[in-house]
Amino acid sequence: MFSYDTQQLPMILSLDLGGRPVEWIPWQDAVCLYVRDQVAWTAGESSFVIHGGFNELLRQQSEISINSIIAIRGARPRVEYSHIPSLNNRELFRRDRHTCLYCGQQFATSELTRDHVVPAALGGHDSWENVVTACKPCNQNKGCRSPEMAAMPLLALPYAPSRIEYLILANRRILADQMAFLEAQAPRRDRRF
């Protein structure tokens, strides 16, 4: 059990009753769910003590313990479980771990671009399966050519992240138990050639 400054508390992973991840919720929402007895069960090893007001009569401060992963009665995914997240550069760079898929080096966000594997001029689309993270020099070098035409083979195949992978991408401060829970449900893929 951890005692945190409430400014430092991580997001809580909410699940439906079947154990499927639904969304990240702030700790304040989790506290409300606990108080309303809407938490059906918990998972994970991390729990946090939240301190409330002081009761003068009892001479004690109220507190509540919340877990990092909670199943909520009546929770339903807001989107179809197989929903593919919207394509944007932030999530693309996270998917590819800020690594240029041509040279293999990691870069800061400001040094990265979205590259179309099959350029739009050659009939390519702006879709997860046709875009990769590229550093600015590699993207400029490749130009309006396919990787084969530019003699720049891809280091990994582009793919559309699943709902689970999107939840992983969406939270910068995932706790170890939350990550283990999500990774156990993520689809297995080998993106390397």
N, C-alpha and C. Protein backbone atom coordinates (compact mmCIF):
# COMPACT_ATOMS: atom_id res chain seq x y z
N MET A 1 0.84 -1.17 0.00
CA MET A 1 0.00 0.00 0.00
C MET A 1 0.89 1.24 0.00
N PHE A 2 0.54 2.21 -0.84
CA PHE A 2 1.34 3.41 -0.98
C PHE A 2 0.58 4.62 -0.45
N SER A 3 1.30 5.56 0.07
CA SER A 3 0.72 6.84 0.45
C SER A 3 1.37 7.88 -0.47
N TYR A 4 0.57 8.49 -1.32
CA TYR A 4 1.05 9.43 -2.32
C TYR A 4 0.51 10.81 -2.06
N ASP A 5 1.23 11.80 -2.54
CA ASP A 5 0.67 13.13 -2.68
C ASP A 5 -0.37 12.98 -3.79
N THR A 6 -1.58 13.47 -3.58
CA THR A 6 -2.64 13.26 -4.57
C THR A 6 -2.31 13.85 -5.93
N GLN A 7 -1.39 14.80 -6.00
CA GLN A 7 -0.98 15.34 -7.30
C GLN A 7 -0.17 14.30 -8.09
N GLN A 8 0.41 13.33 -7.40
CA GLN A 8 1.28 12.34 -8.02
C GLN A 8 0.58 11.02 -8.34
N LEU A 9 -0.67 10.87 -7.95
CA LEU A 9 -1.34 9.59 -8.14
C LEU A 9 -1.51 9.25 -9.62
N PRO A 10 -1.29 7.99 -9.97
CA PRO A 10 -1.47 7.58 -11.36
C PRO A 10 -2.94 7.43 -11.70
N MET A 11 -3.22 7.27 -12.97
CA MET A 11 -4.57 6.97 -13.42
C MET A 11 -4.91 5.54 -13.00
N ILE A 12 -6.20 5.28 -12.83
CA ILE A 12 -6.68 3.97 -12.41
C ILE A 12 -7.25 3.27 -13.66
N LEU A 13 -6.90 2.01 -13.85
CA LEU A 13 -7.41 1.24 -14.98
C LEU A 13 -8.76 0.65 -14.60
N SER A 14 -9.81 1.04 -15.32
CA SER A 14 -11.14 0.50 -15.03
C SER A 14 -11.45 -0.63 -16.00
N LEU A 15 -12.13 -1.64 -15.48
CA LEU A 15 -12.49 -2.83 -16.24
C LEU A 15 -14.00 -3.03 -16.19
N ASP A 16 -14.52 -3.80 -17.14
CA ASP A 16 -15.90 -4.23 -17.01
C ASP A 16 -15.90 -5.49 -16.13
N LEU A 17 -17.07 -6.03 -15.83
CA LEU A 17 -17.14 -7.18 -14.93
C LEU A 17 -16.45 -8.42 -15.49
N GLY A 18 -16.32 -8.49 -16.82
CA GLY A 18 -15.64 -9.61 -17.45
C GLY A 18 -14.12 -9.47 -17.44
N GLY A 19 -13.63 -8.37 -16.91
CA GLY A 19 -12.18 -8.16 -16.83
C GLY A 19 -11.58 -7.50 -18.05
N ARG A 20 -12.44 -7.00 -18.96
CA ARG A 20 -11.91 -6.30 -20.14
C ARG A 20 -11.65 -4.84 -19.80
N PRO A 21 -10.47 -4.32 -20.15
CA PRO A 21 -10.18 -2.91 -19.88
C PRO A 21 -11.16 -1.99 -20.60
N VAL A 22 -11.61 -0.96 -19.89
CA VAL A 22 -12.55 0.00 -20.45
C VAL A 22 -11.85 1.32 -20.74
N GLU A 23 -11.23 1.90 -19.69
CA GLU A 23 -10.59 3.20 -19.86
C GLU A 23 -9.75 3.52 -18.63
N TRP A 24 -8.97 4.60 -18.75
CA TRP A 24 -8.24 5.16 -17.61
C TRP A 24 -9.15 6.17 -16.95
N ILE A 25 -9.20 6.14 -15.61
CA ILE A 25 -10.01 7.13 -14.89
C ILE A 25 -9.14 7.80 -13.83
N PRO A 26 -9.43 9.05 -13.49
CA PRO A 26 -8.68 9.72 -12.43
C PRO A 26 -8.99 9.08 -11.07
N TRP A 27 -8.07 9.21 -10.14
CA TRP A 27 -8.27 8.61 -8.81
C TRP A 27 -9.52 9.16 -8.13
N GLN A 28 -9.88 10.43 -8.41
CA GLN A 28 -11.06 11.02 -7.79
C GLN A 28 -12.33 10.25 -8.19
N ASP A 29 -12.39 9.85 -9.48
CA ASP A 29 -13.54 9.07 -9.95
C ASP A 29 -13.55 7.70 -9.29
N ALA A 30 -12.37 7.12 -9.11
CA ALA A 30 -12.28 5.81 -8.44
C ALA A 30 -12.78 5.90 -7.00
N VAL A 31 -12.41 6.97 -6.30
CA VAL A 31 -12.89 7.16 -4.92
C VAL A 31 -14.42 7.19 -4.91
N CYS A 32 -15.02 7.94 -5.81
CA CYS A 32 -16.49 8.02 -5.89
C CYS A 32 -17.10 6.64 -6.14
N LEU A 33 -16.48 5.85 -7.00
CA LEU A 33 -16.98 4.50 -7.28
C LEU A 33 -16.90 3.61 -6.05
N TYR A 34 -15.81 3.73 -5.30
CA TYR A 34 -15.69 2.97 -4.05
C TYR A 34 -16.77 3.38 -3.06
N VAL A 35 -16.96 4.68 -2.89
CA VAL A 35 -17.95 5.19 -1.93
C VAL A 35 -19.35 4.73 -2.31
N ARG A 36 -19.66 4.69 -3.60
CA ARG A 36 -20.98 4.27 -4.07
C ARG A 36 -21.11 2.75 -4.20
N ASP A 37 -20.08 2.02 -3.75
CA ASP A 37 -20.07 0.56 -3.78
C ASP A 37 -20.25 0.01 -5.20
N GLN A 38 -19.61 0.67 -6.16
CA GLN A 38 -19.71 0.22 -7.55
C GLN A 38 -18.46 -0.54 -7.99
N VAL A 39 -17.50 -0.72 -7.10
CA VAL A 39 -16.31 -1.51 -7.44
C VAL A 39 -16.63 -2.97 -7.11
N ALA A 40 -16.70 -3.80 -8.15
CA ALA A 40 -17.06 -5.21 -7.97
C ALA A 40 -15.88 -6.03 -7.46
N TRP A 41 -14.71 -5.78 -8.04
CA TRP A 41 -13.49 -6.49 -7.62
C TRP A 41 -12.28 -5.69 -8.08
N THR A 42 -11.13 -6.05 -7.54
CA THR A 42 -9.90 -5.34 -7.87
C THR A 42 -8.85 -6.34 -8.32
N ALA A 43 -7.84 -5.82 -8.97
CA ALA A 43 -6.71 -6.65 -9.42
C ALA A 43 -5.44 -5.83 -9.25
N GLY A 44 -4.32 -6.46 -9.44
CA GLY A 44 -3.06 -5.74 -9.33
C GLY A 44 -2.57 -5.67 -7.90
N GLU A 45 -1.33 -5.28 -7.78
CA GLU A 45 -0.69 -5.24 -6.47
C GLU A 45 -0.67 -3.85 -5.86
N SER A 46 -0.91 -2.82 -6.63
CA SER A 46 -0.79 -1.45 -6.13
C SER A 46 -2.11 -0.96 -5.56
N SER A 47 -2.05 -0.39 -4.38
CA SER A 47 -3.21 0.29 -3.82
C SER A 47 -2.71 1.56 -3.15
N PHE A 48 -3.60 2.52 -3.02
CA PHE A 48 -3.23 3.84 -2.55
C PHE A 48 -4.19 4.28 -1.47
N VAL A 49 -3.67 4.91 -0.44
CA VAL A 49 -4.50 5.45 0.63
C VAL A 49 -4.73 6.93 0.34
N ILE A 50 -6.00 7.30 0.28
CA ILE A 50 -6.38 8.69 0.06
C ILE A 50 -6.92 9.21 1.39
N HIS A 51 -6.35 10.31 1.86
CA HIS A 51 -6.77 10.90 3.13
C HIS A 51 -7.79 12.00 2.88
N GLY A 52 -8.86 11.97 3.70
CA GLY A 52 -9.91 12.96 3.58
C GLY A 52 -9.89 13.95 4.72
N GLY A 53 -11.08 14.35 5.13
CA GLY A 53 -11.21 15.34 6.18
C GLY A 53 -10.96 14.77 7.57
N PHE A 54 -10.88 15.67 8.56
CA PHE A 54 -10.61 15.28 9.95
C PHE A 54 -11.91 15.36 10.74
N ASN A 55 -12.26 14.28 11.44
CA ASN A 55 -13.45 14.23 12.28
C ASN A 55 -13.05 14.60 13.70
N GLU A 56 -13.50 15.78 14.16
CA GLU A 56 -13.14 16.26 15.50
C GLU A 56 -13.67 15.36 16.61
N LEU A 57 -14.90 14.83 16.44
CA LEU A 57 -15.48 13.98 17.47
C LEU A 57 -14.69 12.69 17.65
N LEU A 58 -14.34 12.06 16.55
CA LEU A 58 -13.59 10.80 16.62
C LEU A 58 -12.09 11.04 16.68
N ARG A 59 -11.69 12.27 16.47
CA ARG A 59 -10.27 12.66 16.46
C ARG A 59 -9.45 11.78 15.51
N GLN A 60 -9.98 11.65 14.29
CA GLN A 60 -9.25 10.89 13.27
C GLN A 60 -9.56 11.43 11.89
N GLN A 61 -8.64 11.19 11.01
CA GLN A 61 -8.80 11.61 9.62
C GLN A 61 -9.39 10.45 8.83
N SER A 62 -10.34 10.76 7.95
CA SER A 62 -10.92 9.71 7.12
C SER A 62 -9.91 9.31 6.04
N GLU A 63 -10.00 8.07 5.64
CA GLU A 63 -9.14 7.59 4.55
C GLU A 63 -9.83 6.46 3.82
N ILE A 64 -9.44 6.30 2.58
CA ILE A 64 -9.98 5.23 1.75
C ILE A 64 -8.82 4.65 0.93
N SER A 65 -8.84 3.36 0.75
CA SER A 65 -7.81 2.69 -0.03
C SER A 65 -8.40 2.33 -1.39
N ILE A 66 -7.68 2.68 -2.45
CA ILE A 66 -8.12 2.34 -3.82
C ILE A 66 -7.04 1.54 -4.51
N ASN A 67 -7.46 0.63 -5.37
CA ASN A 67 -6.52 -0.19 -6.13
C ASN A 67 -6.23 0.43 -7.48
N SER A 68 -5.14 0.00 -8.10
CA SER A 68 -4.73 0.53 -9.40
C SER A 68 -5.57 -0.02 -10.55
N ILE A 69 -6.23 -1.17 -10.31
CA ILE A 69 -7.07 -1.80 -11.34
C ILE A 69 -8.39 -2.17 -10.67
N ILE A 70 -9.50 -1.63 -11.19
CA ILE A 70 -10.80 -1.90 -10.58
C ILE A 70 -11.83 -2.31 -11.63
N ALA A 71 -12.64 -3.31 -11.29
CA ALA A 71 -13.77 -3.71 -12.14
C ALA A 71 -15.00 -2.99 -11.62
N ILE A 72 -15.72 -2.35 -12.51
CA ILE A 72 -16.85 -1.51 -12.13
C ILE A 72 -18.16 -2.16 -12.55
N ARG A 73 -19.08 -2.24 -11.59
CA ARG A 73 -20.41 -2.77 -11.90
C ARG A 73 -21.07 -1.89 -12.96
N GLY A 74 -21.57 -2.49 -14.01
CA GLY A 74 -22.27 -1.75 -15.05
C GLY A 74 -21.36 -1.07 -16.06
N ALA A 75 -20.04 -1.22 -15.94
CA ALA A 75 -19.12 -0.57 -16.88
C ALA A 75 -19.19 -1.25 -18.24
N ARG A 76 -19.23 -0.43 -19.27
CA ARG A 76 -19.21 -0.94 -20.64
C ARG A 76 -18.24 -0.08 -21.43
N PRO A 77 -17.48 -0.72 -22.32
CA PRO A 77 -16.59 0.09 -23.15
C PRO A 77 -17.38 1.15 -23.89
N ARG A 78 -16.82 2.37 -23.96
CA ARG A 78 -17.50 3.47 -24.65
C ARG A 78 -17.45 3.30 -26.16
N VAL A 79 -16.53 2.50 -26.61
CA VAL A 79 -16.41 2.22 -28.04
C VAL A 79 -16.40 0.72 -28.22
N GLU A 80 -16.64 0.28 -29.42
CA GLU A 80 -16.57 -1.13 -29.73
C GLU A 80 -15.21 -1.67 -29.30
N TYR A 81 -15.20 -2.83 -28.68
CA TYR A 81 -13.95 -3.37 -28.13
C TYR A 81 -12.87 -3.54 -29.20
N SER A 82 -13.28 -3.82 -30.42
CA SER A 82 -12.31 -4.00 -31.50
C SER A 82 -11.98 -2.68 -32.20
N HIS A 83 -12.47 -1.58 -31.66
CA HIS A 83 -12.29 -0.25 -32.24
C HIS A 83 -10.81 0.06 -32.46
N ILE A 84 -10.50 0.57 -33.64
CA ILE A 84 -9.14 1.01 -33.94
C ILE A 84 -9.06 2.50 -33.62
N PRO A 85 -8.08 2.90 -32.79
CA PRO A 85 -7.99 4.31 -32.41
C PRO A 85 -7.69 5.22 -33.60
N SER A 86 -8.03 6.49 -33.45
CA SER A 86 -7.75 7.48 -34.48
C SER A 86 -6.25 7.62 -34.66
N LEU A 87 -5.85 7.79 -35.90
CA LEU A 87 -4.44 7.96 -36.23
C LEU A 87 -4.04 9.41 -35.98
N ASN A 88 -3.01 9.60 -35.17
CA ASN A 88 -2.41 10.91 -34.98
C ASN A 88 -0.93 10.70 -34.68
N ASN A 89 -0.14 11.74 -34.85
CA ASN A 89 1.31 11.60 -34.71
C ASN A 89 1.72 11.17 -33.31
N ARG A 90 1.08 11.70 -32.28
CA ARG A 90 1.46 11.33 -30.92
C ARG A 90 1.35 9.83 -30.70
N GLU A 91 0.21 9.25 -31.10
CA GLU A 91 0.01 7.81 -30.91
C GLU A 91 0.89 7.00 -31.86
N LEU A 92 1.11 7.51 -33.07
CA LEU A 92 2.00 6.83 -34.01
C LEU A 92 3.41 6.75 -33.45
N PHE A 93 3.92 7.86 -32.94
CA PHE A 93 5.29 7.88 -32.39
C PHE A 93 5.38 6.98 -31.17
N ARG A 94 4.32 6.93 -30.38
CA ARG A 94 4.30 6.02 -29.23
C ARG A 94 4.28 4.58 -29.69
N ARG A 95 3.44 4.29 -30.70
CA ARG A 95 3.38 2.92 -31.22
C ARG A 95 4.76 2.44 -31.63
N ASP A 96 5.51 3.31 -32.31
CA ASP A 96 6.83 2.94 -32.81
C ASP A 96 7.95 3.27 -31.82
N ARG A 97 7.57 3.62 -30.59
CA ARG A 97 8.52 3.89 -29.50
C ARG A 97 9.53 4.97 -29.84
N HIS A 98 9.06 5.99 -30.55
CA HIS A 98 9.90 7.14 -30.94
C HIS A 98 11.15 6.70 -31.71
N THR A 99 11.00 5.62 -32.45
CA THR A 99 12.11 5.05 -33.22
C THR A 99 11.83 5.22 -34.70
N CYS A 100 12.81 5.71 -35.43
CA CYS A 100 12.69 5.79 -36.88
C CYS A 100 12.74 4.37 -37.42
N LEU A 101 11.73 3.99 -38.17
CA LEU A 101 11.68 2.62 -38.68
C LEU A 101 12.50 2.42 -39.95
N TYR A 102 13.33 3.41 -40.27
CA TYR A 102 14.28 3.25 -41.37
C TYR A 102 15.71 3.13 -40.84
N CYS A 103 16.11 4.02 -39.93
CA CYS A 103 17.49 3.96 -39.43
C CYS A 103 17.59 3.28 -38.06
N GLY A 104 16.46 3.12 -37.36
CA GLY A 104 16.47 2.42 -36.09
C GLY A 104 16.86 3.24 -34.88
N GLN A 105 17.08 4.54 -35.05
CA GLN A 105 17.47 5.38 -33.92
C GLN A 105 16.24 6.01 -33.26
N GLN A 106 16.35 6.25 -31.95
CA GLN A 106 15.27 6.92 -31.22
C GLN A 106 15.50 8.43 -31.26
N PHE A 107 14.39 9.17 -31.33
CA PHE A 107 14.46 10.63 -31.45
C PHE A 107 13.42 11.28 -30.55
N ALA A 108 13.62 12.55 -30.27
CA ALA A 108 12.60 13.37 -29.60
C ALA A 108 11.47 13.61 -30.59
N THR A 109 10.30 13.86 -30.06
CA THR A 109 9.12 14.08 -30.90
C THR A 109 9.36 15.15 -31.96
N SER A 110 10.06 16.22 -31.62
CA SER A 110 10.30 17.32 -32.56
C SER A 110 11.15 16.90 -33.76
N GLU A 111 11.83 15.79 -33.66
CA GLU A 111 12.69 15.32 -34.75
C GLU A 111 12.04 14.22 -35.57
N LEU A 112 10.77 13.91 -35.29
CA LEU A 112 10.08 12.81 -35.97
C LEU A 112 9.01 13.31 -36.93
N THR A 113 8.71 12.48 -37.91
CA THR A 113 7.66 12.77 -38.88
C THR A 113 6.85 11.51 -39.13
N ARG A 114 5.69 11.69 -39.73
CA ARG A 114 4.86 10.57 -40.18
C ARG A 114 5.22 10.30 -41.63
N ASP A 115 5.67 9.08 -41.91
CA ASP A 115 6.01 8.72 -43.28
C ASP A 115 5.00 7.73 -43.82
N HIS A 116 4.55 7.96 -45.04
CA HIS A 116 3.65 7.02 -45.71
C HIS A 116 4.52 6.00 -46.45
N VAL A 117 4.39 4.75 -46.05
CA VAL A 117 5.20 3.68 -46.67
C VAL A 117 4.97 3.70 -48.17
N VAL A 118 3.71 3.63 -48.57
CA VAL A 118 3.35 3.84 -49.98
C VAL A 118 2.87 5.29 -50.05
N PRO A 119 3.64 6.18 -50.65
CA PRO A 119 3.27 7.60 -50.70
C PRO A 119 1.91 7.83 -51.34
N ALA A 120 1.25 8.89 -50.91
CA ALA A 120 -0.06 9.24 -51.46
C ALA A 120 0.00 9.39 -52.98
N ALA A 121 1.11 9.92 -53.48
CA ALA A 121 1.27 10.10 -54.93
C ALA A 121 1.29 8.77 -55.67
N LEU A 122 1.59 7.69 -54.95
CA LEU A 122 1.60 6.35 -55.55
C LEU A 122 0.37 5.54 -55.17
N GLY A 123 -0.63 6.22 -54.58
CA GLY A 123 -1.89 5.55 -54.22
C GLY A 123 -1.98 5.11 -52.77
N GLY A 124 -1.03 5.49 -51.94
CA GLY A 124 -1.06 5.12 -50.52
C GLY A 124 -2.08 5.93 -49.73
N HIS A 125 -2.55 5.36 -48.66
CA HIS A 125 -3.56 5.99 -47.81
C HIS A 125 -2.96 6.41 -46.47
N ASP A 126 -3.64 7.32 -45.80
CA ASP A 126 -3.24 7.76 -44.47
C ASP A 126 -3.92 6.84 -43.46
N SER A 127 -3.35 5.66 -43.27
CA SER A 127 -3.92 4.66 -42.37
C SER A 127 -2.81 4.04 -41.54
N TRP A 128 -3.19 3.45 -40.40
CA TRP A 128 -2.20 2.84 -39.50
C TRP A 128 -1.30 1.85 -40.24
N GLU A 129 -1.87 1.10 -41.17
CA GLU A 129 -1.11 0.06 -41.86
C GLU A 129 -0.17 0.61 -42.94
N ASN A 130 -0.24 1.93 -43.21
CA ASN A 130 0.60 2.52 -44.24
C ASN A 130 1.47 3.65 -43.73
N VAL A 131 1.53 3.86 -42.41
CA VAL A 131 2.37 4.93 -41.89
C VAL A 131 3.34 4.39 -40.84
N VAL A 132 4.51 5.00 -40.81
CA VAL A 132 5.53 4.66 -39.83
C VAL A 132 6.18 5.94 -39.33
N THR A 133 6.85 5.82 -38.20
CA THR A 133 7.62 6.93 -37.66
C THR A 133 8.94 6.99 -38.40
N ALA A 134 9.31 8.18 -38.83
CA ALA A 134 10.60 8.38 -39.52
C ALA A 134 11.24 9.66 -39.00
N CYS A 135 12.55 9.62 -38.87
CA CYS A 135 13.25 10.86 -38.52
C CYS A 135 13.20 11.77 -39.75
N LYS A 136 13.40 13.05 -39.53
CA LYS A 136 13.31 14.00 -40.64
C LYS A 136 14.30 13.69 -41.76
N PRO A 137 15.59 13.37 -41.46
CA PRO A 137 16.52 13.06 -42.56
C PRO A 137 16.10 11.83 -43.37
N CYS A 138 15.63 10.76 -42.69
CA CYS A 138 15.21 9.57 -43.43
C CYS A 138 13.98 9.83 -44.28
N ASN A 139 13.02 10.57 -43.73
CA ASN A 139 11.81 10.88 -44.49
C ASN A 139 12.17 11.71 -45.73
N GLN A 140 13.05 12.66 -45.56
CA GLN A 140 13.47 13.49 -46.69
C GLN A 140 14.25 12.65 -47.72
N ASN A 141 15.08 11.76 -47.23
CA ASN A 141 15.87 10.89 -48.10
C ASN A 141 14.97 9.96 -48.92
N LYS A 142 13.93 9.42 -48.27
CA LYS A 142 13.01 8.49 -48.94
C LYS A 142 12.18 9.24 -49.97
N GLY A 143 11.78 10.46 -49.61
CA GLY A 143 10.99 11.26 -50.54
C GLY A 143 9.68 10.60 -50.91
N CYS A 144 9.30 10.76 -52.15
CA CYS A 144 8.03 10.25 -52.64
C CYS A 144 8.23 8.90 -53.34
N ARG A 145 8.94 8.02 -52.64
CA ARG A 145 9.21 6.68 -53.18
C ARG A 145 8.81 5.63 -52.16
N SER A 146 8.65 4.42 -52.63
CA SER A 146 8.40 3.30 -51.71
C SER A 146 9.73 2.94 -51.05
N PRO A 147 9.71 2.20 -49.94
CA PRO A 147 10.98 1.80 -49.32
C PRO A 147 11.88 1.01 -50.28
N GLU A 148 11.28 0.19 -51.12
CA GLU A 148 12.06 -0.58 -52.09
C GLU A 148 12.72 0.33 -53.12
N MET A 149 11.96 1.29 -53.63
CA MET A 149 12.49 2.22 -54.63
C MET A 149 13.62 3.06 -54.04
N ALA A 150 13.53 3.39 -52.75
CA ALA A 150 14.54 4.23 -52.09
C ALA A 150 15.67 3.40 -51.50
N ALA A 151 15.60 2.08 -51.62
CA ALA A 151 16.58 1.16 -51.01
C ALA A 151 16.70 1.43 -49.50
N MET A 152 15.54 1.63 -48.86
CA MET A 152 15.48 1.88 -47.41
C MET A 152 14.47 0.90 -46.79
N PRO A 153 14.89 -0.32 -46.51
CA PRO A 153 13.94 -1.31 -45.98
C PRO A 153 13.41 -0.92 -44.59
N LEU A 154 12.16 -1.24 -44.36
CA LEU A 154 11.54 -0.99 -43.07
C LEU A 154 12.09 -1.98 -42.03
N LEU A 155 12.26 -1.51 -40.81
CA LEU A 155 12.73 -2.36 -39.72
C LEU A 155 11.59 -3.10 -39.05
N ALA A 156 10.35 -2.64 -39.25
CA ALA A 156 9.17 -3.28 -38.66
C ALA A 156 7.96 -2.97 -39.54
N LEU A 157 6.96 -3.82 -39.45
CA LEU A 157 5.75 -3.62 -40.23
C LEU A 157 4.79 -2.68 -39.51
N PRO A 158 4.18 -1.75 -40.23
CA PRO A 158 3.17 -0.90 -39.59
C PRO A 158 1.90 -1.70 -39.30
N TYR A 159 1.19 -1.35 -38.24
CA TYR A 159 -0.04 -2.05 -37.88
C TYR A 159 -0.97 -1.09 -37.13
N ALA A 160 -2.24 -1.44 -37.11
CA ALA A 160 -3.23 -0.66 -36.35
C ALA A 160 -3.25 -1.21 -34.92
N PRO A 161 -3.04 -0.35 -33.93
CA PRO A 161 -3.05 -0.83 -32.55
C PRO A 161 -4.44 -1.33 -32.14
N SER A 162 -4.46 -2.36 -31.33
CA SER A 162 -5.72 -2.87 -30.78
C SER A 162 -6.19 -1.94 -29.67
N ARG A 163 -7.36 -2.19 -29.14
CA ARG A 163 -7.90 -1.40 -28.02
C ARG A 163 -6.95 -1.47 -26.82
N ILE A 164 -6.40 -2.64 -26.54
CA ILE A 164 -5.47 -2.81 -25.42
C ILE A 164 -4.20 -2.01 -25.67
N GLU A 165 -3.66 -2.13 -26.87
CA GLU A 165 -2.44 -1.38 -27.20
C GLU A 165 -2.69 0.12 -27.12
N TYR A 166 -3.89 0.55 -27.52
CA TYR A 166 -4.21 1.96 -27.44
C TYR A 166 -4.23 2.44 -25.99
N LEU A 167 -4.78 1.63 -25.09
CA LEU A 167 -4.77 2.00 -23.67
C LEU A 167 -3.34 2.12 -23.15
N ILE A 168 -2.47 1.24 -23.61
CA ILE A 168 -1.06 1.32 -23.21
C ILE A 168 -0.44 2.62 -23.75
N LEU A 169 -0.74 2.94 -24.99
CA LEU A 169 -0.20 4.16 -25.59
C LEU A 169 -0.75 5.42 -24.94
N ALA A 170 -1.98 5.36 -24.45
CA ALA A 170 -2.67 6.55 -23.96
C ALA A 170 -2.23 7.02 -22.58
N ASN A 171 -1.50 6.22 -21.84
CA ASN A 171 -1.12 6.60 -20.48
C ASN A 171 0.39 6.60 -20.35
N ARG A 172 0.94 7.73 -20.00
CA ARG A 172 2.39 7.86 -19.88
C ARG A 172 2.94 7.27 -18.59
N ARG A 173 2.09 7.16 -17.56
CA ARG A 173 2.57 6.71 -16.25
C ARG A 173 1.87 5.43 -15.82
N ILE A 174 2.06 4.39 -16.58
CA ILE A 174 1.44 3.10 -16.26
C ILE A 174 2.27 2.42 -15.17
N LEU A 175 1.58 1.93 -14.15
CA LEU A 175 2.25 1.17 -13.10
C LEU A 175 2.59 -0.22 -13.60
N ALA A 176 3.55 -0.87 -12.97
CA ALA A 176 4.00 -2.20 -13.41
C ALA A 176 2.86 -3.21 -13.41
N ASP A 177 2.00 -3.19 -12.39
CA ASP A 177 0.90 -4.17 -12.35
C ASP A 177 -0.14 -3.87 -13.43
N GLN A 178 -0.37 -2.59 -13.73
CA GLN A 178 -1.29 -2.24 -14.81
C GLN A 178 -0.74 -2.69 -16.16
N MET A 179 0.56 -2.47 -16.38
CA MET A 179 1.19 -2.88 -17.64
C MET A 179 1.14 -4.40 -17.80
N ALA A 180 1.44 -5.13 -16.74
CA ALA A 180 1.40 -6.59 -16.81
C ALA A 180 -0.01 -7.07 -17.15
N PHE A 181 -1.02 -6.44 -16.55
CA PHE A 181 -2.41 -6.80 -16.82
C PHE A 181 -2.75 -6.57 -18.29
N LEU A 182 -2.40 -5.39 -18.80
CA LEU A 182 -2.70 -5.06 -20.20
C LEU A 182 -1.91 -5.92 -21.17
N GLU A 183 -0.63 -6.12 -20.90
CA GLU A 183 0.20 -6.93 -21.80
C GLU A 183 -0.31 -8.37 -21.89
N ALA A 184 -0.86 -8.90 -20.81
CA ALA A 184 -1.39 -10.27 -20.83
C ALA A 184 -2.58 -10.38 -21.77
N GLN A 185 -3.26 -9.27 -22.04
CA GLN A 185 -4.43 -9.28 -22.92
C GLN A 185 -4.14 -8.77 -24.33
N ALA A 186 -2.97 -8.21 -24.53
CA ALA A 186 -2.63 -7.64 -25.84
C ALA A 186 -2.39 -8.75 -26.86
N PRO A 187 -2.72 -8.49 -28.12
CA PRO A 187 -2.46 -9.49 -29.15
C PRO A 187 -0.96 -9.68 -29.34
N ARG A 188 -0.56 -10.87 -29.63
CA ARG A 188 0.84 -11.17 -29.87
C ARG A 188 1.13 -10.94 -31.34
N ARG A 189 2.15 -10.15 -31.61
CA ARG A 189 2.55 -9.93 -33.00
C ARG A 189 4.06 -9.81 -33.08
N ASP A 190 4.57 -10.26 -34.18
CA ASP A 190 5.98 -10.10 -34.46
C ASP A 190 6.07 -9.14 -35.63
N ARG A 191 6.45 -7.91 -35.34
CA ARG A 191 6.48 -6.88 -36.37
C ARG A 191 7.79 -6.87 -37.14
N ARG A 192 8.80 -7.50 -36.62
CA ARG A 192 10.11 -7.49 -37.28
C ARG A 192 10.09 -8.45 -38.46
N PHE A 193 10.85 -8.08 -39.50
CA PHE A 193 10.96 -8.97 -40.66
C PHE A 193 11.79 -10.17 -40.30
